[in-house]
């Protein structure tokens, strides 16, 4: 991911330029890292360096070589910096991200790092004192990003480091994010983790099962996991809606069938006096209504 066409390329720190111009296809690790080693020998593997704005040439942010290496996404490079004194908890100035945040984030163009390598690097950062519960500028912790980006290997590494799974982001926890986004593997690992609280509700009184009932994809796996874990299929949120009503509202027929099979109660009415059939009529979801009428 060469940045040599950056208008102010020459203003940048040699460590940054070495990271930007590295040939990650080179299987000779020593050769691949030679320019970075030279740059680090003149300075440090740690510390903040300036990133200059493309248009003005003014410093717009400060970032560490380690964080840039994580964005670039080459295992050998990241490991070299970890081994040579990079601070795992030093944050960049724009979003308050640490290296662990970047490793569990979504993929960036040009990265060659694998899922298992991401997890191993997290373990190695933890050995150097890396904080797995650090919260960024947007109140996101690594545990949230693992659920959002579906990184079960990374979740294993976080759990090994005793991550707090109950950190709240915009009223939600990683377990409800996983349920809503149909992250079956993530959800199972979180449910199996002894520190995960399942008897939780968001600001609107919704349970984790309410979130699973509104799944991004109409599949039953996450709903089944939560029912098996003991969540009440007939629990009400603050508006009196049950997970079954939520499934009807979002037109999730497969999820609806699963809730009905688990004794979801069709006679319950919400605070507006509407039952599941009324919600189907209001939302014009004929498939869900037909399933109910077959009961």
C-alpha atoms as a PDB file:
ATOM      1  CA  UNK A   1       0.000   0.000   0.000  1.00  0.00           C
ATOM      2  CA  UNK A   2       2.546   2.544  -1.146  1.00  0.00           C
ATOM      3  CA  UNK A   3       1.848   6.179  -0.241  1.00  0.00           C
ATOM      4  CA  UNK A   4       4.738   7.651  -2.209  1.00  0.00           C
ATOM      5  CA  UNK A   5       2.270   9.672  -4.291  1.00  0.00           C
ATOM      6  CA  UNK A   6       1.209  11.556  -1.147  1.00  0.00           C
ATOM      7  CA  UNK A   7       1.786  15.290  -1.861  1.00  0.00           C
ATOM      8  CA  UNK A   8       3.748  15.661   1.377  1.00  0.00           C
ATOM      9  CA  UNK A   9       5.316  12.225   1.465  1.00  0.00           C
ATOM     10  CA  UNK A  10       8.820  13.506   2.225  1.00  0.00           C
ATOM     11  CA  UNK A  11       7.647  15.304   5.361  1.00  0.00           C
ATOM     12  CA  UNK A  12       6.728  12.025   7.018  1.00  0.00           C
ATOM     13  CA  UNK A  13       8.816  10.143   9.557  1.00  0.00           C
ATOM     14  CA  UNK A  14      11.179   7.521   8.130  1.00  0.00           C
ATOM     15  CA  UNK A  15       9.446   4.815  10.164  1.00  0.00           C
ATOM     16  CA  UNK A  16       6.159   5.671   8.526  1.00  0.00           C
ATOM     17  CA  UNK A  17       7.672   5.731   5.056  1.00  0.00           C
ATOM     18  CA  UNK A  18       9.289   2.350   5.682  1.00  0.00           C
ATOM     19  CA  UNK A  19       5.892   0.902   6.622  1.00  0.00           C
ATOM     20  CA  UNK A  20       4.169   2.456   3.625  1.00  0.00           C
ATOM     21  CA  UNK A  21       6.691   1.201   1.081  1.00  0.00           C
ATOM     22  CA  UNK A  22       7.273  -2.279   2.469  1.00  0.00           C
ATOM     23  CA  UNK A  23       7.023  -5.151   0.002  1.00  0.00           C
ATOM     24  CA  UNK A  24       4.767  -7.508   1.917  1.00  0.00           C
ATOM     25  CA  UNK A  25       4.971 -10.139  -0.813  1.00  0.00           C
ATOM     26  CA  UNK A  26       8.662 -10.621   0.007  1.00  0.00           C
ATOM     27  CA  UNK A  27       9.055 -13.960   1.813  1.00  0.00           C
ATOM     28  CA  UNK A  28      12.524 -12.978   3.076  1.00  0.00           C
ATOM     29  CA  UNK A  29      11.586 -11.456   6.425  1.00  0.00           C
ATOM     30  CA  UNK A  30      14.968  -9.831   7.061  1.00  0.00           C
ATOM     31  CA  UNK A  31      14.974  -8.203   3.650  1.00  0.00           C
ATOM     32  CA  UNK A  32      11.364  -7.124   3.989  1.00  0.00           C
ATOM     33  CA  UNK A  33      12.020  -5.455   7.343  1.00  0.00           C
ATOM     34  CA  UNK A  34      15.427  -3.961   6.568  1.00  0.00           C
ATOM     35  CA  UNK A  35      14.279  -0.356   5.988  1.00  0.00           C
ATOM     36  CA  UNK A  36      12.013  -0.447   9.015  1.00  0.00           C
ATOM     37  CA  UNK A  37      14.820  -1.781  11.212  1.00  0.00           C
ATOM     38  CA  UNK A  38      17.069   1.003  10.007  1.00  0.00           C
ATOM     39  CA  UNK A  39      14.427   3.636  10.727  1.00  0.00           C
ATOM     40  CA  UNK A  40      13.688   2.200  14.176  1.00  0.00           C
ATOM     41  CA  UNK A  41      17.383   2.082  15.042  1.00  0.00           C
ATOM     42  CA  UNK A  42      17.522   5.855  14.572  1.00  0.00           C
ATOM     43  CA  UNK A  43      14.461   6.457  16.715  1.00  0.00           C
ATOM     44  CA  UNK A  44      12.156   4.024  18.473  1.00  0.00           C
ATOM     45  CA  UNK A  45       9.535   1.355  17.817  1.00  0.00           C
ATOM     46  CA  UNK A  46       7.217   3.415  19.993  1.00  0.00           C
ATOM     47  CA  UNK A  47       6.124   7.041  20.257  1.00  0.00           C
ATOM     48  CA  UNK A  48       3.704   9.171  18.284  1.00  0.00           C
ATOM     49  CA  UNK A  49       4.543  10.471  14.806  1.00  0.00           C
ATOM     50  CA  UNK A  50       2.739  13.015  12.667  1.00  0.00           C
ATOM     51  CA  UNK A  51       0.444  12.273   9.751  1.00  0.00           C
ATOM     52  CA  UNK A  52       0.249  15.214   7.367  1.00  0.00           C
ATOM     53  CA  UNK A  53      -2.877  16.357   5.579  1.00  0.00           C
ATOM     54  CA  UNK A  54      -2.926  15.630   1.835  1.00  0.00           C
ATOM     55  CA  UNK A  55      -4.089  19.148   0.951  1.00  0.00           C
ATOM     56  CA  UNK A  56      -2.578  21.496   3.519  1.00  0.00           C
ATOM     57  CA  UNK A  57       0.574  19.678   4.573  1.00  0.00           C
ATOM     58  CA  UNK A  58      -0.324  20.435   8.192  1.00  0.00           C
ATOM     59  CA  UNK A  59      -0.098  17.730  10.856  1.00  0.00           C
ATOM     60  CA  UNK A  60      -3.651  16.411  11.242  1.00  0.00           C
ATOM     61  CA  UNK A  61      -3.068  13.468  13.589  1.00  0.00           C
ATOM     62  CA  UNK A  62      -0.490  11.597  15.589  1.00  0.00           C
ATOM     63  CA  UNK A  63      -0.099   7.847  15.383  1.00  0.00           C
ATOM     64  CA  UNK A  64       2.343   5.142  16.453  1.00  0.00           C
ATOM     65  CA  UNK A  65       4.351   2.942  14.062  1.00  0.00           C
ATOM     66  CA  UNK A  66       2.604  -0.069  15.620  1.00  0.00           C
ATOM     67  CA  UNK A  67      -0.865   1.223  14.802  1.00  0.00           C
ATOM     68  CA  UNK A  68       0.166   2.065  11.240  1.00  0.00           C
ATOM     69  CA  UNK A  69       1.625  -1.442  10.934  1.00  0.00           C
ATOM     70  CA  UNK A  70      -1.692  -2.904  12.097  1.00  0.00           C
ATOM     71  CA  UNK A  71      -3.555  -0.853   9.490  1.00  0.00           C
ATOM     72  CA  UNK A  72      -1.104  -2.049   6.825  1.00  0.00           C
ATOM     73  CA  UNK A  73      -1.690  -5.605   8.028  1.00  0.00           C
ATOM     74  CA  UNK A  74       1.534  -7.608   7.734  1.00  0.00           C
ATOM     75  CA  UNK A  75       2.198 -10.122  10.513  1.00  0.00           C
ATOM     76  CA  UNK A  76       6.008  -9.963  10.468  1.00  0.00           C
ATOM     77  CA  UNK A  77       6.021  -6.177  10.646  1.00  0.00           C
ATOM     78  CA  UNK A  78       3.621  -5.974  13.564  1.00  0.00           C
ATOM     79  CA  UNK A  79       5.456  -8.697  15.461  1.00  0.00           C
ATOM     80  CA  UNK A  80       8.801  -6.974  14.900  1.00  0.00           C
ATOM     81  CA  UNK A  81       7.490  -3.766  16.482  1.00  0.00           C
ATOM     82  CA  UNK A  82       5.942  -5.672  19.413  1.00  0.00           C
ATOM     83  CA  UNK A  83       9.262  -7.437  20.019  1.00  0.00           C
ATOM     84  CA  UNK A  84      11.207  -4.194  19.870  1.00  0.00           C
ATOM     85  CA  UNK A  85       9.476  -2.014  22.413  1.00  0.00           C
ATOM     86  CA  UNK A  86       6.287  -0.722  20.830  1.00  0.00           C
ATOM     87  CA  UNK A  87       3.786   0.386  23.473  1.00  0.00           C
ATOM     88  CA  UNK A  88       0.617  -1.734  22.981  1.00  0.00           C
ATOM     89  CA  UNK A  89      -1.593   0.811  24.755  1.00  0.00           C
ATOM     90  CA  UNK A  90      -0.474   4.028  23.082  1.00  0.00           C
ATOM     91  CA  UNK A  91      -3.381   5.510  21.117  1.00  0.00           C
ATOM     92  CA  UNK A  92      -3.562   7.480  17.909  1.00  0.00           C
ATOM     93  CA  UNK A  93      -4.991  10.967  18.325  1.00  0.00           C
ATOM     94  CA  UNK A  94      -8.027  10.929  16.010  1.00  0.00           C
ATOM     95  CA  UNK A  95     -10.131   8.046  17.313  1.00  0.00           C
ATOM     96  CA  UNK A  96      -8.283   6.922  20.457  1.00  0.00           C
ATOM     97  CA  UNK A  97      -7.550   3.523  18.906  1.00  0.00           C
ATOM     98  CA  UNK A  98      -4.973   1.066  20.169  1.00  0.00           C
ATOM     99  CA  UNK A  99      -3.303  -1.640  18.106  1.00  0.00           C
ATOM    100  CA  UNK A 100      -5.803  -4.205  19.394  1.00  0.00           C
ATOM    101  CA  UNK A 101      -8.677  -2.055  18.149  1.00  0.00           C
ATOM    102  CA  UNK A 102      -7.214  -2.049  14.651  1.00  0.00           C
ATOM    103  CA  UNK A 103      -6.575  -5.796  14.661  1.00  0.00           C
ATOM    104  CA  UNK A 104     -10.226  -6.576  15.457  1.00  0.00           C
ATOM    105  CA  UNK A 105     -11.596  -3.943  13.095  1.00  0.00           C
ATOM    106  CA  UNK A 106     -12.845  -4.604   9.575  1.00  0.00           C
ATOM    107  CA  UNK A 107     -10.349  -5.492   6.834  1.00  0.00           C
ATOM    108  CA  UNK A 108      -8.405  -2.708   5.158  1.00  0.00           C
ATOM    109  CA  UNK A 109      -7.243  -2.744   1.554  1.00  0.00           C
ATOM    110  CA  UNK A 110      -3.975  -4.549   0.978  1.00  0.00           C
ATOM    111  CA  UNK A 111      -3.823  -6.463   4.242  1.00  0.00           C
ATOM    112  CA  UNK A 112      -2.288  -9.940   4.123  1.00  0.00           C
ATOM    113  CA  UNK A 113      -2.851 -10.863   7.767  1.00  0.00           C
ATOM    114  CA  UNK A 114      -4.988 -13.942   8.492  1.00  0.00           C
ATOM    115  CA  UNK A 115      -7.604 -14.429  11.204  1.00  0.00           C
ATOM    116  CA  UNK A 116      -5.383 -16.764  13.232  1.00  0.00           C
ATOM    117  CA  UNK A 117      -2.513 -14.280  12.962  1.00  0.00           C
ATOM    118  CA  UNK A 118      -4.723 -11.463  14.253  1.00  0.00           C
ATOM    119  CA  UNK A 119      -5.582 -13.587  17.281  1.00  0.00           C
ATOM    120  CA  UNK A 120      -1.941 -14.485  17.921  1.00  0.00           C
ATOM    121  CA  UNK A 121      -0.883 -10.852  17.716  1.00  0.00           C
ATOM    122  CA  UNK A 122      -3.547  -9.938  20.272  1.00  0.00           C
ATOM    123  CA  UNK A 123      -2.113 -12.611  22.583  1.00  0.00           C
ATOM    124  CA  UNK A 124       1.362 -11.208  22.061  1.00  0.00           C
ATOM    125  CA  UNK A 125       0.176  -7.660  22.752  1.00  0.00           C
ATOM    126  CA  UNK A 126      -1.525  -8.837  25.947  1.00  0.00           C
ATOM    127  CA  UNK A 127       1.774 -10.393  27.072  1.00  0.00           C
ATOM    128  CA  UNK A 128       3.276  -6.921  26.725  1.00  0.00           C
ATOM    129  CA  UNK A 129       0.494  -5.395  28.814  1.00  0.00           C
ATOM    130  CA  UNK A 130      -2.074  -4.671  26.092  1.00  0.00           C
ATOM    131  CA  UNK A 131      -5.465  -3.572  27.467  1.00  0.00           C
ATOM    132  CA  UNK A 132      -8.284  -5.628  25.909  1.00  0.00           C
ATOM    133  CA  UNK A 133     -10.961  -3.368  27.447  1.00  0.00           C
ATOM    134  CA  UNK A 134      -9.783  -0.023  26.075  1.00  0.00           C
ATOM    135  CA  UNK A 135     -12.639   2.159  24.777  1.00  0.00           C
ATOM    136  CA  UNK A 136     -12.168   4.320  21.694  1.00  0.00           C
ATOM    137  CA  UNK A 137     -13.563   7.777  20.927  1.00  0.00           C
ATOM    138  CA  UNK A 138     -16.924   6.277  19.944  1.00  0.00           C
ATOM    139  CA  UNK A 139     -17.193   4.165  23.130  1.00  0.00           C
ATOM    140  CA  UNK A 140     -16.409   0.961  21.236  1.00  0.00           C
ATOM    141  CA  UNK A 141     -14.276  -1.662  22.965  1.00  0.00           C
ATOM    142  CA  UNK A 142     -12.510  -4.499  21.095  1.00  0.00           C
ATOM    143  CA  UNK A 143     -15.255  -6.896  22.269  1.00  0.00           C
ATOM    144  CA  UNK A 144     -17.843  -4.885  20.320  1.00  0.00           C
ATOM    145  CA  UNK A 145     -15.737  -4.804  17.159  1.00  0.00           C
ATOM    146  CA  UNK A 146     -15.168  -8.556  17.354  1.00  0.00           C
ATOM    147  CA  UNK A 147     -18.947  -9.038  17.263  1.00  0.00           C
ATOM    148  CA  UNK A 148     -19.519  -6.472  14.532  1.00  0.00           C
ATOM    149  CA  UNK A 149     -16.757  -7.849  12.295  1.00  0.00           C
ATOM    150  CA  UNK A 150     -17.321 -11.553  13.101  1.00  0.00           C
ATOM    151  CA  UNK A 151     -13.857 -12.457  14.387  1.00  0.00           C
ATOM    152  CA  UNK A 152     -14.264 -15.590  16.554  1.00  0.00           C
ATOM    153  CA  UNK A 153     -10.519 -16.334  16.665  1.00  0.00           C
ATOM    154  CA  UNK A 154      -9.885 -12.868  18.045  1.00  0.00           C
ATOM    155  CA  UNK A 155     -12.674 -13.367  20.570  1.00  0.00           C
ATOM    156  CA  UNK A 156     -10.859 -16.472  21.844  1.00  0.00           C
ATOM    157  CA  UNK A 157      -7.759 -14.338  22.438  1.00  0.00           C
ATOM    158  CA  UNK A 158      -9.786 -11.664  24.240  1.00  0.00           C
ATOM    159  CA  UNK A 159     -11.511 -14.221  26.448  1.00  0.00           C
ATOM    160  CA  UNK A 160      -8.137 -15.750  27.347  1.00  0.00           C
ATOM    161  CA  UNK A 161      -7.174 -12.255  28.524  1.00  0.00           C
ATOM    162  CA  UNK A 162     -10.311 -12.038  30.730  1.00  0.00           C
ATOM    163  CA  UNK A 163     -12.011  -9.408  28.600  1.00  0.00           C
ATOM    164  CA  UNK A 164     -15.097  -7.741  30.074  1.00  0.00           C
ATOM    165  CA  UNK A 165     -17.965  -8.865  27.783  1.00  0.00           C
ATOM    166  CA  UNK A 166     -20.483  -6.538  29.437  1.00  0.00           C
ATOM    167  CA  UNK A 167     -19.073  -3.162  28.382  1.00  0.00           C
ATOM    168  CA  UNK A 168     -21.956  -1.088  27.030  1.00  0.00           C
ATOM    169  CA  UNK A 169     -21.902   0.675  23.644  1.00  0.00           C
ATOM    170  CA  UNK A 170     -24.939   2.852  22.876  1.00  0.00           C
ATOM    171  CA  UNK A 171     -26.967   0.800  25.322  1.00  0.00           C
ATOM    172  CA  UNK A 172     -25.862  -2.531  23.858  1.00  0.00           C
ATOM    173  CA  UNK A 173     -23.400  -5.253  24.753  1.00  0.00           C
ATOM    174  CA  UNK A 174     -21.387  -7.510  22.485  1.00  0.00           C
ATOM    175  CA  UNK A 175     -23.807 -10.380  23.070  1.00  0.00           C
ATOM    176  CA  UNK A 176     -26.799  -8.409  21.753  1.00  0.00           C
ATOM    177  CA  UNK A 177     -24.773  -7.097  18.806  1.00  0.00           C
ATOM    178  CA  UNK A 178     -23.841 -10.674  17.931  1.00  0.00           C
ATOM    179  CA  UNK A 179     -27.467 -11.778  18.229  1.00  0.00           C
ATOM    180  CA  UNK A 180     -28.741  -8.943  16.008  1.00  0.00           C
ATOM    181  CA  UNK A 181     -26.088  -9.526  13.338  1.00  0.00           C
ATOM    182  CA  UNK A 182     -26.454 -13.330  13.264  1.00  0.00           C
ATOM    183  CA  UNK A 183     -22.908 -13.937  14.506  1.00  0.00           C
ATOM    184  CA  UNK A 184     -23.602 -17.499  15.622  1.00  0.00           C
ATOM    185  CA  UNK A 185     -20.012 -18.445  16.496  1.00  0.00           C
ATOM    186  CA  UNK A 186     -19.452 -15.203  18.383  1.00  0.00           C
ATOM    187  CA  UNK A 187     -22.730 -15.571  20.258  1.00  0.00           C
ATOM    188  CA  UNK A 188     -21.993 -19.153  21.285  1.00  0.00           C
ATOM    189  CA  UNK A 189     -18.542 -18.246  22.591  1.00  0.00           C
ATOM    190  CA  UNK A 190     -19.986 -15.334  24.556  1.00  0.00           C
ATOM    191  CA  UNK A 191     -22.751 -17.476  26.028  1.00  0.00           C
ATOM    192  CA  UNK A 192     -20.171 -20.079  27.043  1.00  0.00           C
ATOM    193  CA  UNK A 193     -17.993 -17.389  28.692  1.00  0.00           C
ATOM    194  CA  UNK A 194     -18.759 -17.294  32.419  1.00  0.00           C
ATOM    195  CA  UNK A 195     -18.473 -13.501  32.649  1.00  0.00           C
ATOM    196  CA  UNK A 196     -21.191 -12.804  30.071  1.00  0.00           C
ATOM    197  CA  UNK A 197     -24.436 -11.537  31.563  1.00  0.00           C
ATOM    198  CA  UNK A 198     -27.535 -12.745  29.726  1.00  0.00           C
ATOM    199  CA  UNK A 199     -30.251 -11.300  31.978  1.00  0.00           C
ATOM    200  CA  UNK A 200     -29.675  -7.816  30.593  1.00  0.00           C
ATOM    201  CA  UNK A 201     -31.917  -5.301  28.875  1.00  0.00           C
ATOM    202  CA  UNK A 202     -31.254  -2.207  26.821  1.00  0.00           C
ATOM    203  CA  UNK A 203     -32.720   1.243  27.473  1.00  0.00           C
ATOM    204  CA  UNK A 204     -35.985   0.150  25.814  1.00  0.00           C
ATOM    205  CA  UNK A 205     -36.263  -2.991  27.896  1.00  0.00           C
ATOM    206  CA  UNK A 206     -35.244  -5.286  25.055  1.00  0.00           C
ATOM    207  CA  UNK A 207     -33.567  -8.586  25.913  1.00  0.00           C
ATOM    208  CA  UNK A 208     -30.895 -10.316  23.881  1.00  0.00           C
ATOM    209  CA  UNK A 209     -33.651 -12.501  22.439  1.00  0.00           C
ATOM    210  CA  UNK A 210     -35.486  -9.406  21.209  1.00  0.00           C
ATOM    211  CA  UNK A 211     -32.343  -8.539  19.253  1.00  0.00           C
ATOM    212  CA  UNK A 212     -32.009 -12.035  17.841  1.00  0.00           C
ATOM    213  CA  UNK A 213     -35.667 -11.918  16.763  1.00  0.00           C
ATOM    214  CA  UNK A 214     -34.814  -8.849  14.670  1.00  0.00           C
ATOM    215  CA  UNK A 215     -31.804 -10.574  13.094  1.00  0.00           C
ATOM    216  CA  UNK A 216     -30.212  -9.038  10.029  1.00  0.00           C
ATOM    217  CA  UNK A 217     -30.745 -12.407   8.332  1.00  0.00           C
ATOM    218  CA  UNK A 218     -33.808 -14.589   8.874  1.00  0.00           C
ATOM    219  CA  UNK A 219     -32.024 -17.604  10.358  1.00  0.00           C
ATOM    220  CA  UNK A 220     -32.862 -19.350  13.603  1.00  0.00           C
ATOM    221  CA  UNK A 221     -29.418 -20.339  14.951  1.00  0.00           C
ATOM    222  CA  UNK A 222     -28.911 -17.395  17.301  1.00  0.00           C
ATOM    223  CA  UNK A 223     -32.493 -17.565  18.549  1.00  0.00           C
ATOM    224  CA  UNK A 224     -32.056 -21.270  19.282  1.00  0.00           C
ATOM    225  CA  UNK A 225     -28.822 -20.626  21.186  1.00  0.00           C
ATOM    226  CA  UNK A 226     -30.524 -18.043  23.386  1.00  0.00           C
ATOM    227  CA  UNK A 227     -33.561 -20.219  24.055  1.00  0.00           C
ATOM    228  CA  UNK A 228     -31.222 -23.058  25.016  1.00  0.00           C
ATOM    229  CA  UNK A 229     -29.422 -20.621  27.331  1.00  0.00           C
ATOM    230  CA  UNK A 230     -32.699 -20.063  29.152  1.00  0.00           C
ATOM    231  CA  UNK A 231     -33.961 -16.726  27.839  1.00  0.00           C
ATOM    232  CA  UNK A 232     -37.706 -16.238  28.141  1.00  0.00           C
ATOM    233  CA  UNK A 233     -39.427 -16.336  24.738  1.00  0.00           C
ATOM    234  CA  UNK A 234     -42.364 -14.357  26.152  1.00  0.00           C
ATOM    235  CA  UNK A 235     -40.476 -11.567  27.891  1.00  0.00           C
ATOM    236  CA  UNK A 236     -41.786  -8.073  27.168  1.00  0.00           C
ATOM    237  CA  UNK A 237     -39.865  -4.893  26.427  1.00  0.00           C
ATOM    238  CA  UNK A 238     -41.053  -1.486  27.660  1.00  0.00           C
ATOM    239  CA  UNK A 239     -43.649  -1.315  24.882  1.00  0.00           C
ATOM    240  CA  UNK A 240     -44.973  -4.711  25.803  1.00  0.00           C
ATOM    241  CA  UNK A 241     -43.567  -6.417  22.712  1.00  0.00           C
ATOM    242  CA  UNK A 242     -42.309  -9.987  22.921  1.00  0.00           C
ATOM    243  CA  UNK A 243     -39.553 -11.452  20.710  1.00  0.00           C
ATOM    244  CA  UNK A 244     -42.306 -13.127  18.696  1.00  0.00           C
ATOM    245  CA  UNK A 245     -43.887  -9.743  17.982  1.00  0.00           C
ATOM    246  CA  UNK A 246     -40.475  -8.376  16.998  1.00  0.00           C
ATOM    247  CA  UNK A 247     -40.055 -11.224  14.507  1.00  0.00           C
ATOM    248  CA  UNK A 248     -43.411 -10.339  12.974  1.00  0.00           C
ATOM    249  CA  UNK A 249     -42.588  -6.621  12.885  1.00  0.00           C
ATOM    250  CA  UNK A 250     -39.340  -7.283  10.974  1.00  0.00           C
ATOM    251  CA  UNK A 251     -40.874 -10.055   8.835  1.00  0.00           C
ATOM    252  CA  UNK A 252     -38.680 -12.951   9.982  1.00  0.00           C
ATOM    253  CA  UNK A 253     -40.754 -16.099   9.284  1.00  0.00           C
ATOM    254  CA  UNK A 254     -38.007 -18.618  10.099  1.00  0.00           C
ATOM    255  CA  UNK A 255     -37.313 -16.918  13.407  1.00  0.00           C
ATOM    256  CA  UNK A 256     -41.055 -16.758  14.082  1.00  0.00           C
ATOM    257  CA  UNK A 257     -41.374 -20.527  13.585  1.00  0.00           C
ATOM    258  CA  UNK A 258     -38.551 -21.138  16.048  1.00  0.00           C
ATOM    259  CA  UNK A 259     -40.162 -18.920  18.685  1.00  0.00           C
ATOM    260  CA  UNK A 260     -43.509 -20.623  18.204  1.00  0.00           C
ATOM    261  CA  UNK A 261     -41.857 -24.030  18.574  1.00  0.00           C
ATOM    262  CA  UNK A 262     -40.443 -22.786  21.894  1.00  0.00           C
ATOM    263  CA  UNK A 263     -43.957 -21.937  23.146  1.00  0.00           C
ATOM    264  CA  UNK A 264     -44.082 -18.331  22.086  1.00  0.00           C
ATOM    265  CA  UNK A 265     -47.458 -17.008  23.227  1.00  0.00           C
ATOM    266  CA  UNK A 266     -49.635 -15.570  20.437  1.00  0.00           C
ATOM    267  CA  UNK A 267     -52.264 -14.245  22.847  1.00  0.00           C
ATOM    268  CA  UNK A 268     -50.009 -11.668  24.477  1.00  0.00           C
ATOM    269  CA  UNK A 269     -50.852  -8.048  23.658  1.00  0.00           C
ATOM    270  CA  UNK A 270     -48.482  -5.103  23.798  1.00  0.00           C
ATOM    271  CA  UNK A 271     -49.100  -1.714  25.405  1.00  0.00           C
ATOM    272  CA  UNK A 272     -51.133  -0.651  22.349  1.00  0.00           C
ATOM    273  CA  UNK A 273     -53.387  -3.663  22.701  1.00  0.00           C
ATOM    274  CA  UNK A 274     -51.946  -5.387  19.622  1.00  0.00           C
ATOM    275  CA  UNK A 275     -51.119  -9.070  19.394  1.00  0.00           C
ATOM    276  CA  UNK A 276     -48.830 -10.753  16.840  1.00  0.00           C
ATOM    277  CA  UNK A 277     -51.609 -11.042  14.242  1.00  0.00           C
ATOM    278  CA  UNK A 278     -52.390  -7.330  14.519  1.00  0.00           C
ATOM    279  CA  UNK A 279     -48.719  -6.513  14.034  1.00  0.00           C
ATOM    280  CA  UNK A 280     -48.653  -8.721  10.921  1.00  0.00           C
ATOM    281  CA  UNK A 281     -51.675  -6.856   9.559  1.00  0.00           C
ATOM    282  CA  UNK A 282     -50.162  -3.476  10.365  1.00  0.00           C
ATOM    283  CA  UNK A 283     -46.854  -4.393   8.693  1.00  0.00           C
ATOM    284  CA  UNK A 284     -48.514  -6.292   5.823  1.00  0.00           C
ATOM    285  CA  UNK A 285     -46.346  -9.392   6.363  1.00  0.00           C
ATOM    286  CA  UNK A 286     -48.443 -12.180   4.913  1.00  0.00           C
ATOM    287  CA  UNK A 287     -45.892 -14.976   5.333  1.00  0.00           C
ATOM    288  CA  UNK A 288     -45.653 -14.463   9.082  1.00  0.00           C
ATOM    289  CA  UNK A 289     -49.432 -14.164   9.355  1.00  0.00           C
ATOM    290  CA  UNK A 290     -49.897 -17.428   7.439  1.00  0.00           C
ATOM    291  CA  UNK A 291     -47.540 -19.215   9.853  1.00  0.00           C
ATOM    292  CA  UNK A 292     -49.552 -17.936  12.814  1.00  0.00           C
ATOM    293  CA  UNK A 293     -52.849 -18.963  11.252  1.00  0.00           C
ATOM    294  CA  UNK A 294     -51.529 -22.517  10.859  1.00  0.00           C
ATOM    295  CA  UNK A 295     -51.166 -22.810  14.645  1.00  0.00           C
END
